[in-house]
Amino acid sequence: MARKTSSPRPGSSKARADSNASKTAPKNARDVEDAVVTAALNLAADRSWSGLALTEIAATAGVSLADLYGVFPSKASILGTFSRRIDAAMVALPGEADAAPRDRLFEVLMHRFDLLAPYKAGLRGLAHEARRGRVDVLPLACRLPRSLRWMLEAAGIATGGFKGAARVKVLGLAYLATLRVWLEDDSPDLARTMASLDRALRRAEPFLGLRTRSSTTTGDEAVA
């Protein structure tokens, strides 16, 4: 007669294994990504990024280390994914085609700051680490040129060729100057941030090539 298969006794090693397996069952990759990015940026608010272990990030995110590994092979990849997701949300904003180029760029950058707002405390921590020369945060800085290109493209400004490369560099100076102000601007209306961005874009406008022909031609040129 066939032997009956008995249920594992409570507290037995098999029961514990089954319980642990259910707790660490693989989760949807997008859910893991959401949880890990949020947990990592929250931890960065009070902790040194270089001192954070992936096990701690996983525990804070409520996922297993195996699930985290399936999406993020390193801490650097977490920062890269964070930046890429901000870029994707930024370019999803419908622009105003009839607005002046500088106005479109202003709106794109302010929208980006709105997207970054939930992570401001963590970004402050990462900025502090960057100022101290910590190489762990370099992946975020290395991705900045790509993000700058998408800021320009989202505003309808071409980024190809030498002129496009120059625009990226000039916008980088304006963006970083404003980012420093934004990190310390906790006002509801972000008045300081908007004023800083407006000044930075006005200074950068000639180098970005944003002025329209009518605003840059002289009277003699206009009638020629």
Foldseek 3Di string as FASTA:
>chain_A
DDDDDDDDDPPDPVVVVVVVCVQAPADDLVLLLVLLLLLLLVCLLPDQNVPDDLCVSCVNSSHHSVNVCVRDVDPLVNLVVVLVVLLVVLLVDQFDPPDFLLVLLLVSLVVSLVVCVVSLSSVVSLVVCVVVVNCSSVSNVVCQLVSLCSSSVSSVADLDDPLNVQLSVLVVVLSVQLVVVSSVDPDPVCVVSSVSSVVSCVVCCVSNVRDDPVVPDDPVVVVD
